[in-house]
Amino acid sequence: MRWLGRCPACEAWNTFVEAPAVSTKSKSATIGSSRTAPGDRSGPVRLGDVSSGPVTRIPSGIGEFDVLLGGGIVPGSLVLVGGPPGAGKSTLLLQLAAGLASESGPVVYICGEESAAQTKLRAERLGASDDLLLFAETNLRTVLDALAGVTPRALVVDSIQTMALPEVESSAGSVAQVRECAIALMDFAKRTHCATFIVGHVTKDGAIAGPRLLEHLVDTVLYFEGENGSEYRIVRAHKNRFGSADEICVFRMDEGGLHEVGNPSELFLGAGPATSRSGSCVVASIVGSRPVLVEIQALVGETSYGTPQRLAANLDRARLAMILAVLERRAGLHLGTSDVYASVAGGLRIDEPAADLGIALAIASAHRGVALPAGTVAFGELGLSGEVRAVSQRARRIGEARKLGYTTIVAPPAPGRSEGENLIVVRDVAGAIAATLG
């Protein structure tokens, strides 16, 4: 063994990570034996010969969390829950595990970061069931051996960065350890049909710590979004093999734990449909599989610097720049010497093009200092020529807006559909500004 400071292949400096190799024998003993049971057929199997009975999902006891997963917990699934420190990852999974333990059979919670006594104190504060099984251990081989006599219905590992396999000669949290521990947990979940949840730490850049393989390996990736200082927590499905990706659920956190919020639109809206102020526009968006109303806020002012500022919070900055260019060229708004700030209230990130019209109206409202009519909702995609294009799920967006009391909907035309009452159909951004701001 010798030290290498520079990679001989790519000639980059300081890119090597010391990770002793794991023998082929130990890997095969860990992976191969768990995947193939005695008597199973080896080799390729005809698709029509594979048994495919109906999958009975396990209700979690948290309705919004079941929607997030696509209808409940799939037996044998491997779910990664990530987020910044203090977001509520351990709280959510402890509540989930305790609820499953009282309803669905044995559930094991692996305490890698706390002792069993510390976990019990937190469980008592949350009012968790005493039926939950706790195991304070960081040796994953010991954990898997102990689970052989329990046959749990669900398993929670908190966290994957604290687990270590003795046959991998590196410290817990290293790339090699995280990779091998994740593979071992995946094999355990698939072999025993045990729904397994693992907590993942994040780096300073917000990405889940460890190799990218970790996210590719699991069935579902859930991520906590929003500011930790807020009482609300947003959990988004970034990947889901058993349901809709980009689904969200919203929780309110207090001393008693996390409580589901049934109607997220009420959280993301400001003063409601009765009032309106300049620089604000409500957008009917689709998040995952559900319609959600969000408030877009904008602020426009004379720049104090040589180059105008363009800042976007919870919005795509490149898309904001495109909308500003369209407003400048197609709607006659002179924004070249102005600072423009745009944000989605409530901490939810919106990336779909259907929010373009709402962003444009919020900026135009802030630029003119005139508020949109009270009870107005807008949606539509902007083209570079200024036209407003149709978007998917139009009826669901309109239905959600009217259900929450919004009476005026600004939307692109939909050929072959009745427009309905109080619906302002616009074909370009200039016409939308004229119809709403005069």
Protein backbone atom coordinates (compact mmCIF):
# COMPACT_ATOMS: atom_id res chain seq x y z
CA MET A 1 0.00 0.00 0.00
CA ARG A 2 1.31 3.44 -0.86
CA TRP A 3 -0.03 6.96 -0.58
CA LEU A 4 -1.46 8.57 -3.71
CA GLY A 5 -2.14 12.28 -3.74
CA ARG A 6 -3.03 12.51 -7.42
CA CYS A 7 -5.31 10.19 -9.38
CA PRO A 8 -3.37 8.58 -12.26
CA ALA A 9 -6.57 8.40 -14.36
CA CYS A 10 -8.17 11.85 -14.09
CA GLU A 11 -5.10 13.64 -12.65
CA ALA A 12 -7.19 15.27 -9.89
CA TRP A 13 -5.60 15.93 -6.49
CA ASN A 14 -6.89 14.63 -3.12
CA THR A 15 -9.72 12.53 -4.58
CA PHE A 16 -8.80 9.16 -3.04
CA VAL A 17 -10.66 7.85 0.04
CA GLU A 18 -9.07 5.10 2.10
CA ALA A 19 -11.56 2.18 2.41
CA PRO A 20 -10.14 -1.33 2.96
CA ALA A 21 -11.53 -3.89 0.52
CA VAL A 22 -14.16 -6.36 1.70
CA SER A 23 -13.43 -9.96 0.79
CA THR A 24 -15.61 -11.64 -1.81
CA LYS A 25 -16.43 -14.37 0.69
CA SER A 26 -17.91 -11.97 3.25
CA LYS A 27 -19.92 -10.14 0.61
CA SER A 28 -21.38 -13.31 -0.82
CA ALA A 29 -22.22 -14.54 2.67
CA THR A 30 -24.01 -11.28 3.37
CA ILE A 31 -25.87 -10.80 0.11
CA GLY A 32 -26.19 -14.07 -1.80
CA SER A 33 -27.52 -16.20 1.06
CA SER A 34 -30.20 -13.66 1.97
CA ARG A 35 -31.53 -13.29 -1.56
CA THR A 36 -31.87 -16.98 -2.50
CA ALA A 37 -33.70 -19.36 -0.20
CA PRO A 38 -33.11 -23.14 -0.40
CA GLY A 39 -35.21 -24.74 -3.12
CA ASP A 40 -35.71 -21.55 -5.11
CA ARG A 41 -35.21 -21.67 -8.86
CA SER A 42 -31.96 -20.22 -10.05
CA GLY A 43 -31.59 -18.39 -13.36
CA PRO A 44 -34.07 -16.38 -15.40
CA VAL A 45 -37.79 -16.95 -14.86
CA ARG A 46 -40.52 -16.39 -17.44
CA LEU A 47 -42.53 -13.28 -16.61
CA GLY A 48 -45.83 -15.16 -16.84
CA ASP A 49 -44.61 -17.71 -14.27
CA VAL A 50 -43.92 -15.08 -11.59
CA SER A 51 -46.65 -15.09 -8.93
CA SER A 52 -48.13 -11.63 -8.47
CA GLY A 53 -50.76 -11.65 -5.78
CA PRO A 54 -52.36 -8.40 -4.57
CA VAL A 55 -50.16 -6.35 -2.26
CA THR A 56 -51.91 -5.47 1.00
CA ARG A 57 -50.56 -2.16 2.21
CA ILE A 58 -50.20 -1.48 5.91
CA PRO A 59 -52.04 1.64 7.15
CA SER A 60 -49.67 3.84 9.12
CA GLY A 61 -52.36 5.48 11.23
CA ILE A 62 -51.41 8.87 9.73
CA GLY A 63 -53.71 9.56 6.78
CA GLU A 64 -51.51 12.17 5.09
CA PHE A 65 -48.46 9.93 5.43
CA ASP A 66 -50.34 7.09 3.71
CA VAL A 67 -51.15 9.45 0.83
CA LEU A 68 -47.46 10.42 0.66
CA LEU A 69 -46.45 6.76 0.28
CA GLY A 70 -49.10 6.08 -2.35
CA GLY A 71 -51.79 4.45 -0.21
CA GLY A 72 -49.98 2.97 2.79
CA ILE A 73 -46.80 1.13 3.69
CA VAL A 74 -45.75 -1.64 1.28
CA PRO A 75 -44.42 -4.76 3.07
CA GLY A 76 -40.75 -5.33 2.25
CA SER A 77 -40.19 -1.74 1.13
CA LEU A 78 -37.08 0.24 2.06
CA VAL A 79 -37.79 3.91 2.82
CA LEU A 80 -35.12 6.57 3.35
CA VAL A 81 -36.12 9.63 5.41
CA GLY A 82 -33.72 12.58 5.17
CA GLY A 83 -33.65 16.17 6.31
CA PRO A 84 -31.68 18.74 8.29
CA PRO A 85 -31.04 18.32 12.05
CA GLY A 86 -34.11 19.07 14.15
CA ALA A 87 -36.56 18.77 11.27
CA GLY A 88 -38.50 15.95 12.94
CA LYS A 89 -37.23 12.77 11.27
CA SER A 90 -36.86 10.77 14.50
CA THR A 91 -40.09 12.19 15.91
CA LEU A 92 -42.11 11.18 12.86
CA LEU A 93 -40.67 7.66 12.71
CA LEU A 94 -41.04 7.10 16.46
CA GLN A 95 -44.71 8.09 16.24
CA LEU A 96 -45.14 5.89 13.18
CA ALA A 97 -43.40 2.89 14.77
CA ALA A 98 -45.39 3.19 18.00
CA GLY A 99 -48.67 3.36 16.08
CA LEU A 100 -47.78 0.30 14.00
CA ALA A 101 -46.70 -1.62 17.11
CA SER A 102 -50.12 -1.23 18.70
CA GLU A 103 -52.00 -2.20 15.52
CA SER A 104 -49.90 -4.37 13.20
CA GLY A 105 -47.65 -6.60 15.30
CA PRO A 106 -43.97 -6.51 16.31
CA VAL A 107 -42.14 -3.30 15.38
CA VAL A 108 -38.47 -2.72 16.23
CA TYR A 109 -36.87 0.72 16.63
CA ILE A 110 -33.05 0.65 16.42
CA CYS A 111 -31.58 3.48 18.50
CA GLY A 112 -28.19 4.24 16.99
CA GLU A 113 -27.91 7.81 18.23
CA GLU A 114 -29.58 7.54 21.67
CA SER A 115 -29.78 5.07 24.49
CA ALA A 116 -32.98 3.13 25.09
CA ALA A 117 -33.69 5.30 28.16
CA GLN A 118 -33.36 8.51 26.13
CA THR A 119 -35.64 7.14 23.45
CA LYS A 120 -38.23 6.16 26.08
CA LEU A 121 -38.26 9.72 27.46
CA ARG A 122 -39.06 11.03 23.99
CA ALA A 123 -41.65 8.30 23.44
CA GLU A 124 -43.41 9.20 26.71
CA ARG A 125 -43.59 12.84 25.63
CA LEU A 126 -45.19 11.72 22.36
CA GLY A 127 -47.61 9.35 24.09
CA ALA A 128 -46.18 6.34 22.25
CA SER A 129 -47.32 2.77 22.83
CA ASP A 130 -45.37 0.53 25.25
CA ASP A 131 -45.59 -2.33 22.71
CA LEU A 132 -42.74 -0.86 20.64
CA LEU A 133 -39.48 -2.87 20.81
CA LEU A 134 -36.31 -0.79 21.35
CA PHE A 135 -32.77 -1.93 20.59
CA ALA A 136 -29.84 0.40 21.28
CA GLU A 137 -27.11 -1.02 19.04
CA THR A 138 -24.80 0.21 16.26
CA ASN A 139 -23.43 -3.17 15.12
CA LEU A 140 -25.72 -4.03 12.23
CA ARG A 141 -24.64 -7.70 12.22
CA THR A 142 -25.80 -7.98 15.86
CA VAL A 143 -29.06 -6.23 14.95
CA LEU A 144 -29.85 -8.57 12.06
CA ASP A 145 -29.01 -11.66 14.15
CA ALA A 146 -31.33 -10.46 16.91
CA LEU A 147 -34.17 -9.78 14.46
CA ALA A 148 -34.12 -13.40 13.28
CA GLY A 149 -36.05 -14.43 16.41
CA VAL A 150 -38.49 -11.51 16.37
CA THR A 151 -39.86 -11.43 12.78
CA PRO A 152 -40.87 -7.76 12.92
CA ARG A 153 -43.62 -6.28 10.77
CA ALA A 154 -41.67 -3.02 10.51
CA LEU A 155 -38.14 -1.85 11.33
CA VAL A 156 -36.81 1.68 11.95
CA VAL A 157 -33.05 2.33 11.85
CA ASP A 158 -32.06 5.70 13.33
CA SER A 159 -29.71 6.39 11.67
CA ILE A 160 -27.88 4.67 8.79
CA GLN A 161 -24.76 6.77 9.47
CA THR A 162 -24.37 5.22 12.94
CA MET A 163 -24.59 1.60 11.74
CA ALA A 164 -21.48 -0.48 11.01
CA LEU A 165 -20.71 -3.99 9.83
CA PRO A 166 -17.66 -5.59 11.50
CA GLU A 167 -16.43 -7.15 8.23
CA VAL A 168 -16.07 -3.68 6.65
CA GLU A 169 -12.84 -2.21 8.07
CA SER A 170 -13.81 1.46 8.22
CA SER A 171 -15.59 3.69 10.70
CA ALA A 172 -19.36 4.14 10.90
CA GLY A 173 -20.65 6.81 8.53
CA SER A 174 -17.96 6.21 5.90
CA VAL A 175 -18.93 5.67 2.29
CA ALA A 176 -18.08 1.97 2.47
CA GLN A 177 -20.05 1.40 5.68
CA VAL A 178 -23.15 3.29 4.52
CA ARG A 179 -23.15 1.39 1.24
CA GLU A 180 -22.75 -2.08 2.77
CA CYS A 181 -25.22 -1.41 5.60
CA ALA A 182 -27.85 -0.19 3.14
CA ILE A 183 -27.39 -3.29 0.98
CA ALA A 184 -27.70 -5.55 4.04
CA LEU A 185 -30.91 -3.77 5.13
CA MET A 186 -32.33 -4.02 1.63
CA ASP A 187 -31.69 -7.77 1.55
CA PHE A 188 -33.29 -8.15 4.98
CA ALA A 189 -36.38 -6.17 3.94
CA LYS A 190 -36.93 -8.11 0.70
CA ARG A 191 -36.28 -11.50 2.29
CA THR A 192 -38.52 -11.04 5.34
CA HIS A 193 -41.12 -8.67 3.82
CA CYS A 194 -40.42 -6.30 6.69
CA ALA A 195 -41.15 -2.64 5.92
CA THR A 196 -37.88 -0.87 6.78
CA PHE A 197 -37.37 2.84 7.41
CA ILE A 198 -33.89 4.34 7.67
CA VAL A 199 -32.98 7.86 8.77
CA GLY A 200 -30.33 9.63 6.71
CA HIS A 201 -28.30 12.67 7.73
CA VAL A 202 -27.61 15.50 5.29
CA THR A 203 -24.49 17.40 4.34
CA LYS A 204 -24.03 21.17 4.61
CA ASP A 205 -25.25 21.42 1.00
CA GLY A 206 -28.55 19.74 1.91
CA ALA A 207 -27.87 16.43 0.13
CA ILE A 208 -28.24 13.12 1.97
CA ALA A 209 -24.84 12.11 3.33
CA GLY A 210 -23.19 9.00 1.94
CA PRO A 211 -22.90 7.54 -1.55
CA ARG A 212 -25.50 8.36 -4.18
CA LEU A 213 -26.12 4.63 -4.31
CA LEU A 214 -28.11 5.00 -1.10
CA GLU A 215 -30.88 6.94 -2.85
CA HIS A 216 -30.82 4.65 -5.89
CA LEU A 217 -31.02 1.56 -3.69
CA VAL A 218 -34.09 2.39 -1.61
CA ASP A 219 -37.69 2.22 -2.83
CA THR A 220 -38.76 5.60 -1.51
CA VAL A 221 -36.93 8.80 -0.56
CA LEU A 222 -38.75 11.21 1.77
CA TYR A 223 -37.24 14.57 2.56
CA PHE A 224 -38.14 17.24 5.12
CA GLU A 225 -38.36 20.73 3.60
CA GLY A 226 -38.94 24.20 5.01
CA GLU A 227 -37.44 26.18 7.84
CA ASN A 228 -36.85 24.44 11.16
CA GLY A 229 -37.88 27.62 13.00
CA SER A 230 -41.44 27.25 11.71
CA GLU A 231 -44.01 25.11 13.49
CA TYR A 232 -44.88 23.45 10.19
CA ARG A 233 -42.93 20.65 8.51
CA ILE A 234 -43.25 19.69 4.84
CA VAL A 235 -42.30 16.14 3.85
CA ARG A 236 -41.88 15.53 0.11
CA ALA A 237 -41.48 12.23 -1.75
CA HIS A 238 -38.50 12.74 -4.06
CA LYS A 239 -38.67 9.13 -5.24
CA ASN A 240 -41.41 6.54 -4.88
CA ARG A 241 -41.59 3.16 -6.62
CA PHE A 242 -45.07 2.50 -5.21
CA GLY A 243 -46.80 5.85 -5.69
CA SER A 244 -46.58 9.37 -7.03
CA ALA A 245 -43.24 11.14 -6.78
CA ASP A 246 -43.21 14.79 -5.67
CA GLU A 247 -46.16 14.12 -3.32
CA ILE A 248 -46.15 16.12 -0.08
CA CYS A 249 -47.67 15.98 3.37
CA VAL A 250 -47.67 18.78 5.92
CA PHE A 251 -47.29 18.41 9.68
CA ARG A 252 -47.60 20.87 12.54
CA MET A 253 -45.01 20.34 15.26
CA ASP A 254 -45.48 21.09 18.95
CA GLU A 255 -44.38 19.55 22.25
CA GLY A 256 -46.69 16.61 21.60
CA GLY A 257 -45.04 15.66 18.31
CA LEU A 258 -46.11 15.99 14.68
CA HIS A 259 -49.76 16.44 13.76
CA GLU A 260 -51.01 16.09 10.18
CA VAL A 261 -52.52 19.08 8.38
CA GLY A 262 -55.45 17.88 6.29
CA ASN A 263 -55.72 20.90 3.96
CA PRO A 264 -52.27 22.23 2.99
CA SER A 265 -53.80 25.07 0.92
CA GLU A 266 -54.94 26.85 4.08
CA LEU A 267 -51.36 26.81 5.37
CA PHE A 268 -49.76 28.25 2.23
CA LEU A 269 -52.31 31.01 1.75
CA GLY A 270 -51.94 34.40 3.40
CA ALA A 271 -54.94 36.52 4.35
CA GLY A 272 -57.35 34.41 2.30
CA PRO A 273 -59.71 35.27 -0.55
CA ALA A 274 -61.39 38.20 1.18
CA THR A 275 -58.37 40.52 1.01
CA SER A 276 -55.60 41.28 -1.45
CA ARG A 277 -52.45 43.39 -1.52
CA SER A 278 -50.02 44.52 -4.17
CA GLY A 279 -47.29 42.10 -5.16
CA SER A 280 -49.33 39.02 -4.27
CA CYS A 281 -51.08 36.42 -6.44
CA VAL A 282 -52.59 33.05 -5.51
CA VAL A 283 -51.68 30.19 -7.84
CA ALA A 284 -53.54 26.90 -8.27
CA SER A 285 -50.72 24.36 -8.39
CA ILE A 286 -50.57 20.58 -8.53
CA VAL A 287 -48.19 19.07 -5.97
CA GLY A 288 -47.80 15.35 -6.44
CA SER A 289 -51.35 14.14 -7.02
CA ARG A 290 -53.27 16.88 -5.25
CA PRO A 291 -54.24 20.48 -6.06
CA VAL A 292 -52.76 23.03 -3.67
CA LEU A 293 -53.24 26.79 -3.62
CA VAL A 294 -50.07 28.77 -2.86
CA GLU A 295 -49.38 32.47 -2.58
CA ILE A 296 -46.70 34.01 -4.80
CA GLN A 297 -45.24 37.24 -3.40
CA ALA A 298 -43.10 39.72 -5.33
CA LEU A 299 -41.27 42.94 -4.52
CA VAL A 300 -39.99 45.40 -7.13
CA GLY A 301 -37.84 48.44 -6.32
CA GLU A 302 -35.18 50.69 -7.79
CA THR A 303 -31.77 49.08 -7.67
CA SER A 304 -29.04 50.42 -5.42
CA TYR A 305 -26.31 48.56 -7.28
CA GLY A 306 -24.90 48.65 -10.77
CA THR A 307 -26.57 45.35 -11.64
CA PRO A 308 -30.22 44.76 -10.65
CA GLN A 309 -30.81 41.94 -8.20
CA ARG A 310 -32.90 38.91 -9.23
CA LEU A 311 -33.64 36.70 -6.22
CA ALA A 312 -36.07 33.79 -6.03
CA ALA A 313 -37.04 31.86 -2.88
CA ASN A 314 -38.62 28.42 -3.42
CA LEU A 315 -38.78 29.17 -7.16
CA ASP A 316 -36.53 28.33 -10.08
CA ARG A 317 -34.28 31.37 -10.59
CA ALA A 318 -33.82 30.64 -14.31
CA ARG A 319 -37.58 30.54 -14.80
CA LEU A 320 -37.93 33.86 -12.96
CA ALA A 321 -35.39 35.43 -15.33
CA MET A 322 -37.37 34.14 -18.32
CA ILE A 323 -40.65 35.56 -16.96
CA LEU A 324 -38.99 38.96 -16.40
CA ALA A 325 -37.74 38.97 -19.99
CA VAL A 326 -41.24 38.16 -21.27
CA LEU A 327 -42.76 40.94 -19.15
CA GLU A 328 -40.16 43.38 -20.46
CA ARG A 329 -40.56 42.54 -24.15
CA ARG A 330 -44.20 41.41 -24.44
CA ALA A 331 -46.03 43.39 -21.75
CA GLY A 332 -44.11 46.68 -21.76
CA LEU A 333 -42.99 46.54 -18.12
CA HIS A 334 -39.65 48.33 -17.70
CA LEU A 335 -37.85 46.20 -15.13
CA GLY A 336 -34.28 46.55 -16.40
CA THR A 337 -33.27 49.00 -13.64
CA SER A 338 -35.29 47.42 -10.84
CA ASP A 339 -34.50 44.81 -8.20
CA VAL A 340 -37.01 41.95 -8.33
CA TYR A 341 -37.62 39.51 -5.49
CA ALA A 342 -40.10 36.62 -5.76
CA SER A 343 -41.04 34.03 -3.17
CA VAL A 344 -43.54 31.27 -2.41
CA ALA A 345 -45.12 31.91 0.99
CA GLY A 346 -45.12 29.05 3.47
CA GLY A 347 -41.83 27.40 2.47
CA LEU A 348 -43.21 25.11 -0.26
CA ARG A 349 -41.09 24.91 -3.42
CA ILE A 350 -42.97 25.23 -6.73
CA ASP A 351 -41.27 24.24 -9.99
CA GLU A 352 -44.16 23.50 -12.36
CA PRO A 353 -44.65 25.84 -15.38
CA ALA A 354 -48.31 26.37 -14.42
CA ALA A 355 -47.15 28.93 -11.85
CA ASP A 356 -45.72 31.22 -14.57
CA LEU A 357 -48.85 33.34 -14.96
CA GLY A 358 -49.20 33.84 -11.22
CA ILE A 359 -45.55 34.89 -10.89
CA ALA A 360 -45.96 37.35 -13.78
CA LEU A 361 -49.12 38.88 -12.26
CA ALA A 362 -47.48 39.19 -8.83
CA ILE A 363 -44.48 41.02 -10.36
CA ALA A 364 -46.74 43.30 -12.44
CA SER A 365 -48.82 44.05 -9.34
CA ALA A 366 -45.72 44.94 -7.32
CA HIS A 367 -44.33 47.07 -10.18
CA ARG A 368 -47.53 49.11 -10.50
CA GLY A 369 -48.37 49.15 -6.80
CA VAL A 370 -51.89 47.91 -7.54
CA ALA A 371 -53.42 44.84 -5.91
CA LEU A 372 -55.20 42.12 -7.85
CA PRO A 373 -58.96 41.89 -7.24
CA ALA A 374 -59.79 40.04 -4.02
CA GLY A 375 -60.55 36.35 -4.51
CA THR A 376 -58.38 35.95 -7.64
CA VAL A 377 -56.52 32.76 -8.56
CA ALA A 378 -54.32 32.35 -11.65
CA PHE A 379 -52.55 29.50 -13.44
CA GLY A 380 -50.99 29.02 -16.85
CA GLU A 381 -47.65 28.53 -18.58
CA LEU A 382 -45.95 31.45 -20.34
CA GLY A 383 -44.31 31.08 -23.73
CA LEU A 384 -41.46 33.25 -24.93
CA SER A 385 -43.81 35.06 -27.32
CA GLY A 386 -45.99 36.05 -24.38
CA GLU A 387 -48.81 33.56 -24.96
CA VAL A 388 -50.47 31.79 -22.05
CA ARG A 389 -50.52 28.04 -22.63
CA ALA A 390 -52.90 25.45 -21.28
CA VAL A 391 -51.78 23.19 -18.42
CA SER A 392 -52.91 19.78 -17.17
CA GLN A 393 -55.61 19.08 -14.56
CA ARG A 394 -57.45 22.33 -15.23
CA ALA A 395 -60.73 21.19 -13.65
CA ARG A 396 -59.06 20.10 -10.40
CA ARG A 397 -57.27 23.44 -10.06
CA ILE A 398 -60.50 25.36 -10.58
CA GLY A 399 -62.42 23.09 -8.21
CA GLU A 400 -59.87 23.56 -5.40
CA ALA A 401 -59.95 27.35 -5.84
CA ARG A 402 -63.74 27.54 -5.70
CA LYS A 403 -63.89 25.16 -2.73
CA LEU A 404 -61.72 27.59 -0.73
CA GLY A 405 -63.83 30.61 -1.65
CA TYR A 406 -61.90 32.09 -4.59
CA THR A 407 -64.40 33.48 -7.08
CA THR A 408 -62.27 34.84 -9.96
CA ILE A 409 -60.03 32.42 -11.86
CA VAL A 410 -57.57 33.65 -14.51
CA ALA A 411 -56.69 30.77 -16.82
CA PRO A 412 -55.66 29.96 -20.40
CA PRO A 413 -58.31 28.80 -22.88
CA ALA A 414 -59.26 25.14 -23.07
CA PRO A 415 -60.71 24.13 -26.46
CA GLY A 416 -63.96 22.21 -26.25
CA ARG A 417 -64.69 23.02 -22.61
CA SER A 418 -67.30 25.29 -21.07
CA GLU A 419 -65.58 28.18 -19.35
CA GLY A 420 -67.98 28.48 -16.40
CA GLU A 421 -68.86 31.44 -14.26
CA ASN A 422 -66.30 34.06 -13.12
CA LEU A 423 -63.58 32.56 -15.30
CA ILE A 424 -61.31 35.07 -17.06
CA VAL A 425 -59.80 33.43 -20.13
CA VAL A 426 -56.53 35.05 -21.24
CA ARG A 427 -54.43 34.28 -24.29
CA ASP A 428 -51.32 36.34 -23.57
CA VAL A 429 -49.62 37.93 -20.59
CA ALA A 430 -50.45 41.49 -21.69
CA GLY A 431 -54.14 40.59 -21.78
CA ALA A 432 -53.91 38.97 -18.34
CA ILE A 433 -52.37 42.11 -16.85
CA ALA A 434 -54.99 44.31 -18.51
CA ALA A 435 -57.85 42.08 -17.29
CA THR A 436 -56.69 42.02 -13.67
CA LEU A 437 -54.80 45.28 -13.09
CA GLY A 438 -56.47 47.56 -15.65
